[in-house]
Protein backbone atom coordinates (compact mmCIF):
# COMPACT_ATOMS: atom_id res chain seq x y z
CA MET A 1 -9.62 -2.77 -79.31
CA GLU A 2 -13.04 -4.05 -78.14
CA VAL A 3 -12.73 -7.70 -77.17
CA PHE A 4 -16.39 -8.59 -76.79
CA PRO A 5 -18.10 -9.68 -80.02
CA ASP A 6 -21.28 -7.95 -81.13
CA LYS A 7 -24.45 -9.92 -80.52
CA VAL A 8 -25.39 -9.62 -84.16
CA SER A 9 -22.19 -11.26 -85.33
CA THR A 10 -21.95 -13.81 -82.54
CA ASN A 11 -22.89 -17.34 -83.50
CA GLN A 12 -25.08 -19.62 -81.38
CA GLY A 13 -22.03 -21.70 -80.48
CA LEU A 14 -20.36 -18.79 -78.72
CA LEU A 15 -23.53 -17.82 -76.89
CA ARG A 16 -23.84 -21.41 -75.66
CA SER A 17 -20.15 -21.86 -74.98
CA ARG A 18 -19.06 -22.91 -71.53
CA TYR A 19 -16.93 -19.81 -71.24
CA ARG A 20 -20.06 -17.79 -70.53
CA PHE A 21 -20.04 -19.37 -67.06
CA VAL A 22 -16.64 -17.75 -66.45
CA ILE A 23 -18.08 -14.39 -67.53
CA ALA A 24 -21.07 -14.95 -65.24
CA GLY A 25 -18.70 -15.69 -62.36
CA LEU A 26 -16.77 -12.47 -63.00
CA LEU A 27 -19.99 -10.46 -63.03
CA LEU A 28 -21.07 -12.08 -59.76
CA LEU A 29 -17.73 -11.17 -58.21
CA ALA A 30 -18.07 -7.57 -59.43
CA ASN A 31 -21.51 -7.20 -57.86
CA LEU A 32 -20.38 -8.80 -54.62
CA VAL A 33 -17.46 -6.36 -54.32
CA LEU A 34 -19.72 -3.42 -55.22
CA GLY A 35 -22.05 -4.41 -52.39
CA LEU A 36 -19.21 -4.95 -49.93
CA ASN A 37 -17.92 -1.41 -50.38
CA LEU A 38 -21.15 0.55 -50.85
CA PHE A 39 -22.19 0.93 -47.18
CA ALA A 40 -19.00 -0.35 -45.54
CA ALA A 41 -18.37 3.04 -43.89
CA SER A 42 -21.90 3.31 -42.47
CA PRO A 43 -21.45 1.23 -39.26
CA ILE A 44 -18.10 2.89 -38.41
CA VAL A 45 -18.99 6.56 -39.04
CA PRO A 46 -18.71 7.42 -35.30
CA LEU A 47 -15.12 6.13 -35.27
CA ILE A 48 -14.24 8.21 -38.34
CA ILE A 49 -15.82 11.31 -36.76
CA GLU A 50 -13.77 10.76 -33.61
CA ASP A 51 -10.46 10.28 -35.46
CA TYR A 52 -10.81 13.10 -37.99
CA GLY A 53 -12.90 15.50 -35.89
CA VAL A 54 -15.43 16.15 -38.68
CA SER A 55 -19.15 16.85 -38.41
CA ARG A 56 -21.81 14.18 -38.82
CA ALA A 57 -22.97 15.82 -42.03
CA ALA A 58 -19.45 15.66 -43.48
CA ALA A 59 -18.95 12.08 -42.34
CA GLY A 60 -22.26 11.14 -43.94
CA LEU A 61 -20.73 12.00 -47.32
CA LEU A 62 -18.65 8.83 -47.03
CA VAL A 63 -21.90 6.93 -47.52
CA THR A 64 -23.88 9.26 -49.79
CA LEU A 65 -21.09 10.58 -52.05
CA PRO A 66 -20.67 7.32 -54.06
CA LEU A 67 -24.44 7.24 -54.66
CA MET A 68 -24.43 10.86 -55.81
CA VAL A 69 -21.41 10.34 -58.08
CA ALA A 70 -22.93 7.18 -59.57
CA ALA A 71 -26.18 9.05 -60.20
CA VAL A 72 -24.46 12.00 -61.90
CA PHE A 73 -22.19 9.74 -63.94
CA GLY A 74 -24.76 7.05 -64.83
CA LEU A 75 -26.05 8.35 -68.17
CA PRO A 76 -22.72 9.91 -69.26
CA GLY A 77 -21.11 6.61 -68.29
CA GLY A 78 -23.43 4.78 -70.66
CA LEU A 79 -22.39 7.09 -73.50
CA ILE A 80 -18.71 6.64 -72.63
CA ILE A 81 -19.11 2.87 -72.71
CA ALA A 82 -20.77 3.10 -76.11
CA ARG A 83 -17.75 5.05 -77.35
CA ILE A 84 -14.73 3.31 -75.77
CA GLY A 85 -16.10 -0.22 -75.61
CA VAL A 86 -17.36 -2.51 -72.88
CA ARG A 87 -14.13 -4.15 -71.80
CA ARG A 88 -12.16 -0.92 -71.45
CA ALA A 89 -14.98 0.61 -69.40
CA PHE A 90 -15.33 -2.47 -67.20
CA THR A 91 -11.57 -2.56 -66.61
CA ALA A 92 -11.49 1.15 -65.73
CA GLY A 93 -14.39 0.64 -63.33
CA TRP A 94 -12.58 -2.20 -61.56
CA TRP A 95 -9.38 -0.23 -61.05
CA LEU A 96 -11.21 2.87 -59.84
CA MET A 97 -12.96 0.72 -57.26
CA THR A 98 -9.71 -0.88 -56.08
CA LEU A 99 -8.52 2.52 -54.79
CA ALA A 100 -10.64 1.79 -51.69
CA ALA A 101 -7.82 -0.57 -50.68
CA LEU A 102 -5.73 2.56 -49.95
CA SER A 103 -8.10 3.71 -47.18
CA ALA A 104 -5.65 2.70 -44.45
CA LEU A 105 -3.08 5.09 -45.97
CA ALA A 106 -5.41 8.10 -46.19
CA PRO A 107 -3.70 10.93 -44.23
CA ASP A 108 -6.86 13.03 -43.83
CA PHE A 109 -10.61 13.08 -44.32
CA GLY A 110 -10.37 14.79 -47.72
CA THR A 111 -8.25 11.97 -49.12
CA LEU A 112 -10.75 9.41 -47.82
CA LEU A 113 -13.54 11.29 -49.59
CA VAL A 114 -11.56 11.21 -52.85
CA LEU A 115 -11.20 7.43 -52.53
CA ARG A 116 -14.97 7.12 -52.01
CA LEU A 117 -15.54 9.37 -55.03
CA ALA A 118 -13.36 7.05 -57.12
CA TYR A 119 -15.43 4.12 -55.90
CA GLY A 120 -18.61 5.91 -57.03
CA LEU A 121 -17.17 6.42 -60.53
CA GLY A 122 -16.08 2.80 -60.66
CA MET A 123 -19.52 1.67 -59.54
CA ALA A 124 -21.21 3.65 -62.33
CA LEU A 125 -18.90 2.17 -64.99
CA LEU A 126 -19.08 -1.41 -63.72
CA PHE A 127 -22.81 -1.42 -63.26
CA THR A 128 -23.59 0.26 -66.58
CA ALA A 129 -21.21 -1.99 -68.52
CA THR A 130 -22.82 -5.12 -67.06
CA GLY A 131 -25.87 -4.77 -69.33
CA PRO A 132 -23.97 -4.94 -72.63
CA ILE A 133 -21.90 -7.88 -71.36
CA LEU A 134 -25.06 -9.77 -70.46
CA MET A 135 -26.60 -9.03 -73.85
CA GLN A 136 -23.51 -10.18 -75.71
CA TRP A 137 -22.91 -13.40 -73.80
CA PHE A 138 -26.29 -14.76 -72.73
CA GLN A 139 -29.58 -15.72 -74.27
CA SER A 140 -32.82 -14.03 -73.25
CA LYS A 141 -33.95 -16.40 -70.50
CA GLU A 142 -30.38 -16.64 -69.17
CA VAL A 143 -30.18 -12.85 -68.81
CA PHE A 144 -32.96 -12.87 -66.21
CA ILE A 145 -31.23 -15.62 -64.24
CA VAL A 146 -27.78 -14.01 -64.29
CA ASN A 147 -29.32 -10.63 -63.43
CA GLY A 148 -31.02 -12.24 -60.44
CA LEU A 149 -27.76 -13.85 -59.31
CA ASN A 150 -25.90 -10.54 -59.76
CA GLN A 151 -28.40 -8.65 -57.62
CA ALA A 152 -28.30 -11.41 -54.99
CA ALA A 153 -24.50 -11.08 -54.85
CA PHE A 154 -24.85 -7.29 -54.56
CA SER A 155 -27.36 -7.61 -51.72
CA LEU A 156 -25.21 -10.24 -50.00
CA GLY A 157 -22.20 -7.93 -50.23
CA ILE A 158 -24.13 -5.08 -48.58
CA ALA A 159 -25.39 -7.33 -45.78
CA THR A 160 -21.91 -8.80 -45.20
CA SER A 161 -20.21 -5.41 -44.81
CA LEU A 162 -22.99 -4.07 -42.58
CA PHE A 163 -22.68 -7.06 -40.25
CA THR A 164 -18.87 -7.30 -40.23
CA ALA A 165 -17.54 -3.73 -40.55
CA ALA A 166 -17.87 -2.85 -36.85
CA PRO A 167 -16.35 -6.10 -35.48
CA LEU A 168 -13.56 -5.88 -38.05
CA ALA A 169 -12.89 -2.26 -37.08
CA ASP A 170 -12.64 -3.33 -33.43
CA ALA A 171 -10.09 -5.97 -34.38
CA VAL A 172 -7.84 -4.11 -36.84
CA GLY A 173 -8.99 -0.46 -36.85
CA TRP A 174 -11.63 1.21 -39.03
CA SER A 175 -9.24 2.32 -41.80
CA ARG A 176 -7.80 -1.17 -42.19
CA ALA A 177 -11.32 -2.57 -42.23
CA LEU A 178 -12.18 -0.33 -45.19
CA SER A 179 -8.95 -1.41 -46.91
CA ILE A 180 -9.82 -5.09 -46.45
CA PHE A 181 -13.11 -4.56 -48.27
CA GLY A 182 -11.19 -2.66 -50.95
CA ILE A 183 -8.67 -5.49 -51.37
CA ALA A 184 -11.53 -7.68 -52.54
CA GLY A 185 -11.72 -5.26 -55.48
CA VAL A 186 -8.03 -5.79 -56.27
CA VAL A 187 -8.63 -9.54 -56.44
CA GLY A 188 -11.61 -8.98 -58.73
CA ALA A 189 -9.70 -6.60 -61.01
CA MET A 190 -6.87 -9.09 -61.43
CA ALA A 191 -9.36 -11.87 -62.17
CA TRP A 192 -11.05 -9.69 -64.80
CA MET A 193 -7.74 -8.76 -66.45
CA TYR A 194 -6.77 -12.43 -66.69
CA LEU A 195 -10.12 -14.11 -67.42
CA GLY A 196 -12.24 -11.41 -69.05
CA ARG A 197 -11.53 -12.63 -72.56
CA PRO A 198 -13.95 -13.82 -75.25
CA VAL A 199 -13.80 -16.97 -77.29
CA GLY A 200 -13.57 -16.06 -80.95
CA GLN A 201 -12.80 -12.95 -82.96
CA ALA A 202 -13.16 -9.44 -81.61
CA SER A 203 -15.29 -6.90 -83.38
CA PRO A 204 -13.16 -4.32 -85.15
CA SER A 205 -15.05 -1.23 -84.06
CA VAL A 206 -17.58 0.05 -81.56
CA PRO A 207 -20.74 1.67 -82.97
CA ILE A 208 -21.41 5.18 -81.67
CA VAL A 209 -24.84 6.09 -80.30
CA THR A 210 -25.92 9.16 -82.31
CA ARG A 211 -27.94 12.04 -80.85
CA LYS A 212 -31.00 10.88 -82.75
CA ALA A 213 -30.63 7.35 -81.41
CA LEU A 214 -30.04 8.72 -77.91
CA TRP A 215 -33.25 10.74 -78.01
CA SER A 216 -35.12 7.74 -79.38
CA ILE A 217 -33.90 5.66 -76.44
CA LEU A 218 -34.59 8.22 -73.72
CA SER A 219 -38.08 9.06 -75.02
CA ASN A 220 -39.15 5.44 -75.51
CA ARG A 221 -42.34 4.68 -73.55
CA MET A 222 -41.09 1.36 -72.23
CA VAL A 223 -37.76 2.84 -71.12
CA LEU A 224 -39.48 5.73 -69.35
CA LEU A 225 -41.82 3.35 -67.51
CA LEU A 226 -38.88 1.25 -66.35
CA VAL A 227 -36.90 4.31 -65.26
CA VAL A 228 -39.76 5.96 -63.35
CA GLY A 229 -41.01 2.71 -61.80
CA ASN A 230 -37.58 1.77 -60.50
CA ALA A 231 -36.84 5.31 -59.28
CA GLY A 232 -40.04 5.51 -57.22
CA ALA A 233 -39.46 2.18 -55.51
CA LEU A 234 -35.80 2.93 -54.79
CA LEU A 235 -36.63 6.40 -53.52
CA GLN A 236 -38.88 4.90 -50.84
CA TYR A 237 -36.42 2.08 -50.08
CA SER A 238 -33.56 4.51 -49.51
CA ALA A 239 -35.61 6.83 -47.29
CA LEU A 240 -37.03 4.04 -45.13
CA THR A 241 -33.69 2.24 -44.83
CA THR A 242 -32.16 5.47 -43.56
CA TRP A 243 -34.87 6.66 -41.17
CA LEU A 244 -36.89 3.64 -39.99
CA PRO A 245 -34.43 2.83 -37.14
CA SER A 246 -34.81 6.36 -35.76
CA PHE A 247 -38.59 6.29 -36.31
CA TYR A 248 -39.02 2.96 -34.54
CA ASN A 249 -36.86 4.11 -31.63
CA GLU A 250 -38.41 7.56 -31.18
CA VAL A 251 -42.04 6.87 -32.11
CA ARG A 252 -42.64 3.16 -31.51
CA GLY A 253 -40.37 2.83 -28.47
CA ILE A 254 -38.29 0.02 -29.99
CA SER A 255 -34.64 -0.24 -28.94
CA LEU A 256 -32.05 0.91 -31.48
CA SER A 257 -30.52 -2.56 -31.72
CA GLN A 258 -33.89 -4.19 -32.48
CA ALA A 259 -34.82 -1.36 -34.85
CA GLY A 260 -31.56 -2.00 -36.71
CA ILE A 261 -32.34 -5.71 -37.00
CA ILE A 262 -35.84 -4.99 -38.31
CA THR A 263 -34.54 -2.57 -40.92
CA GLY A 264 -31.74 -4.99 -41.84
CA LEU A 265 -34.42 -7.41 -43.03
CA LEU A 266 -34.98 -5.12 -46.03
CA THR A 267 -31.58 -6.15 -47.38
CA PHE A 268 -31.48 -9.71 -46.02
CA VAL A 269 -34.70 -10.85 -47.71
CA GLY A 270 -33.48 -9.18 -50.89
CA VAL A 271 -30.87 -11.93 -51.35
CA PHE A 272 -33.68 -14.46 -51.85
CA ALA A 273 -36.15 -12.13 -53.57
CA VAL A 274 -33.83 -11.28 -56.47
CA LEU A 275 -33.20 -14.98 -57.09
CA ILE A 276 -36.94 -15.51 -57.45
CA GLY A 277 -37.09 -12.39 -59.60
CA GLY A 278 -34.35 -13.80 -61.84
CA PHE A 279 -35.54 -17.38 -62.20
CA GLY A 280 -39.29 -16.57 -62.22
CA PRO A 281 -39.57 -14.71 -65.55
CA ALA A 282 -37.21 -17.21 -67.19
CA ARG A 283 -39.40 -20.06 -65.94
CA PHE A 284 -42.90 -18.63 -66.38
CA GLY A 285 -42.32 -15.94 -69.03
CA SER A 286 -44.51 -13.35 -67.28
CA ASN A 287 -42.58 -10.09 -67.24
CA LYS A 288 -45.51 -7.79 -66.40
CA ALA A 289 -46.40 -9.88 -63.35
CA PHE A 290 -42.89 -9.34 -61.97
CA LEU A 291 -43.54 -5.60 -62.03
CA ILE A 292 -47.18 -5.55 -60.88
CA VAL A 293 -46.83 -7.96 -57.93
CA PRO A 294 -43.69 -6.29 -56.52
CA GLY A 295 -45.39 -2.92 -57.13
CA MET A 296 -48.28 -3.95 -54.89
CA MET A 297 -45.88 -5.28 -52.25
CA VAL A 298 -43.80 -2.10 -52.26
CA VAL A 299 -46.89 0.09 -51.75
CA LEU A 300 -48.58 -2.04 -49.07
CA GLY A 301 -45.37 -3.00 -47.26
CA GLY A 302 -44.06 0.56 -47.34
CA LEU A 303 -47.23 1.99 -45.81
CA GLY A 304 -47.45 -0.77 -43.21
CA ALA A 305 -43.83 -0.26 -42.16
CA PHE A 306 -44.61 3.13 -40.63
CA LEU A 307 -48.42 3.10 -40.14
CA ILE A 308 -48.76 -0.17 -38.21
CA GLY A 309 -47.95 0.10 -34.52
CA ASN A 310 -47.65 -3.51 -33.31
CA LEU A 311 -44.40 -5.44 -33.62
CA VAL A 312 -45.81 -8.40 -35.57
CA GLY A 313 -47.34 -6.08 -38.15
CA ILE A 314 -44.09 -4.13 -38.43
CA TYR A 315 -42.04 -7.28 -39.07
CA PHE A 316 -44.56 -8.53 -41.63
CA SER A 317 -44.68 -5.17 -43.44
CA VAL A 318 -40.90 -4.80 -43.57
CA ILE A 319 -40.50 -8.31 -45.00
CA VAL A 320 -43.18 -7.64 -47.64
CA LEU A 321 -41.50 -4.33 -48.48
CA GLY A 322 -38.05 -5.95 -48.67
CA VAL A 323 -39.23 -8.73 -50.98
CA GLY A 324 -41.11 -6.30 -53.23
CA SER A 325 -38.17 -3.86 -53.36
CA TRP A 326 -35.83 -6.52 -54.77
CA LEU A 327 -38.16 -8.91 -56.62
CA TYR A 328 -38.60 -6.66 -59.65
CA VAL A 329 -34.94 -5.65 -60.10
CA PRO A 330 -33.87 -8.42 -62.54
CA THR A 331 -36.89 -7.60 -64.71
CA ILE A 332 -36.15 -3.87 -64.76
CA PHE A 333 -32.61 -4.45 -66.01
CA SER A 334 -33.43 -7.34 -68.36
CA LEU A 335 -36.40 -5.93 -70.27
CA PRO A 336 -34.38 -3.31 -72.20
CA MET A 337 -32.54 -6.16 -73.91
CA GLU A 338 -35.90 -7.48 -75.19
CA MET A 339 -36.73 -4.27 -77.02
CA PRO A 340 -36.61 -4.31 -80.83
CA GLY A 341 -33.46 -2.82 -82.34
CA MET A 342 -31.50 -2.89 -79.08
CA THR A 343 -27.72 -3.20 -79.25
CA PRO A 344 -25.22 -3.59 -76.38
CA GLU A 345 -24.26 0.08 -76.77
CA LYS A 346 -27.89 1.20 -76.47
CA VAL A 347 -28.42 -1.05 -73.45
CA ALA A 348 -25.48 0.69 -71.75
CA VAL A 349 -27.26 4.02 -72.27
CA VAL A 350 -30.55 2.67 -70.89
CA TRP A 351 -28.84 1.22 -67.81
CA GLY A 352 -27.01 4.51 -67.32
CA PHE A 353 -30.33 6.39 -67.56
CA ILE A 354 -31.87 4.08 -64.94
CA ILE A 355 -28.90 4.58 -62.61
CA THR A 356 -28.90 8.37 -62.97
CA VAL A 357 -32.60 8.84 -62.17
CA ALA A 358 -32.79 6.17 -59.46
CA GLY A 359 -29.51 7.21 -57.84
CA SER A 360 -30.64 10.83 -57.68
CA GLY A 361 -33.85 9.82 -55.93
CA ALA A 362 -32.00 7.52 -53.53
CA PHE A 363 -29.64 10.36 -52.64
CA LEU A 364 -32.30 13.05 -52.18
CA SER A 365 -35.13 11.13 -50.46
CA PRO A 366 -33.39 10.67 -47.06
CA LEU A 367 -32.56 14.38 -47.12
CA LEU A 368 -36.21 15.19 -47.83
CA VAL A 369 -37.49 13.02 -44.98
CA GLY A 370 -34.92 14.48 -42.59
CA ALA A 371 -35.74 18.06 -43.57
CA LEU A 372 -39.50 17.51 -43.19
CA ARG A 373 -38.88 15.84 -39.83
CA ASP A 374 -37.03 18.95 -38.64
CA LEU A 375 -39.74 21.29 -39.94
CA SER A 376 -42.83 19.39 -38.82
CA GLY A 377 -41.52 17.35 -35.90
CA SER A 378 -42.80 14.15 -37.55
CA PHE A 379 -41.44 11.53 -39.94
CA MET A 380 -44.91 10.99 -41.43
CA PRO A 381 -44.96 13.73 -44.12
CA GLY A 382 -41.71 12.50 -45.69
CA PHE A 383 -42.68 8.84 -45.43
CA ILE A 384 -46.06 9.48 -47.06
CA ILE A 385 -44.49 11.41 -49.97
CA CYS A 386 -42.05 8.52 -50.55
CA ALA A 387 -44.90 5.98 -50.39
CA MET A 388 -46.78 7.94 -53.07
CA ALA A 389 -43.65 7.94 -55.25
CA ALA A 390 -43.36 4.16 -54.84
CA CYS A 391 -46.75 3.73 -56.56
CA SER A 392 -44.88 4.38 -59.82
CA LEU A 393 -43.61 0.78 -59.87
CA LEU A 394 -47.15 -0.59 -59.83
CA ALA A 395 -48.16 1.92 -62.50
CA ALA A 396 -45.20 0.89 -64.65
CA GLY A 397 -46.30 -2.75 -64.49
CA ILE A 398 -49.90 -1.90 -65.38
CA PHE A 399 -49.07 0.35 -68.33
CA MET A 400 -46.08 -1.65 -69.62
CA PRO A 401 -46.69 -2.85 -73.21
CA LYS A 402 -47.31 -6.57 -73.51
CA LEU A 403 -44.04 -8.37 -74.08
CA ALA A 404 -43.07 -11.72 -75.48
CA PRO A 405 -42.17 -14.34 -72.86
CA ALA A 406 -38.52 -14.34 -71.87
CA ASN A 407 -37.90 -17.93 -72.77
CA GLU A 408 -36.16 -17.71 -76.10
């Protein structure tokens, strides 16, 4: 039985109830744990290669497989959520993600890959189900704020695991380090099972998204602009995050440690950028501006990150790129809830659509840059293609229909 009330039947008292702060806390915890586990294996890949004797390409799947699975499962996950209900889907996502806690018991590399695959499925369900929960529990201007806080928690989780995975692996072993990050998911799942309850009556049934409604959603101009704009920006972000350290070391003569610090700024500044992106539209009610301005920053910062040769210019460009790459995210995921006729079930489909397209680009773009580097001997062709794709965010902001201020 679905335990979250429909927005249509929810009274103002429930929407304003203090219990929504508990729900917000649970969503923050979910995003923090998602971030903690997403790239946790990245800093310790050499140790995994040494222990299991696998190739670098195979070991790289520990990082890229969850992204690929989430991309493939994003849109279907939205349809599943519309059918089985938000709470069931969110619960399933939590428990799939907790399987990462078993990493220390994995007898071989194949088992470890299966655990990472389960995490990818859990990520798709959790992330896609977040939209309907936000729509059901929070008012319009609150959605932007909570979305900003969620993305900040996600970014903080990524940064925390990147900074601590290697030292933790030195202290307790790499497999136990992965299990420790997974245990955070167990804590979150238990908290959700105990606290993820509404105040008031549950809705008796879950509306199904028909094929006609699905096509109407996926062909909507506003949805397509959001999907393409986000995908272009994330495509560039993923490619540059993956290859800038190598580019700076090989082409600019920067040490690997300093190159890693520079690239790490892309995630670090994101913690603050998404907060501005969440509170800004709620405060000023200018949704288009929070697509256009980040769009300009993503284009200019992205080009500067690999075209500028001096260190000061590189730092400045990377910071601009990092801020732009995170500033728009709360707007992208909040605007679908402002569309006429939207229901929580339809929002799940939109979020799933966004995840599928963006996740596919994030998975393929590093492969494209790497392949072009091998063929041409230069990173430039791949970087330039990704920079051109990132222009889609600016275009989405320019052509986005005028929307009512998010201050209702």
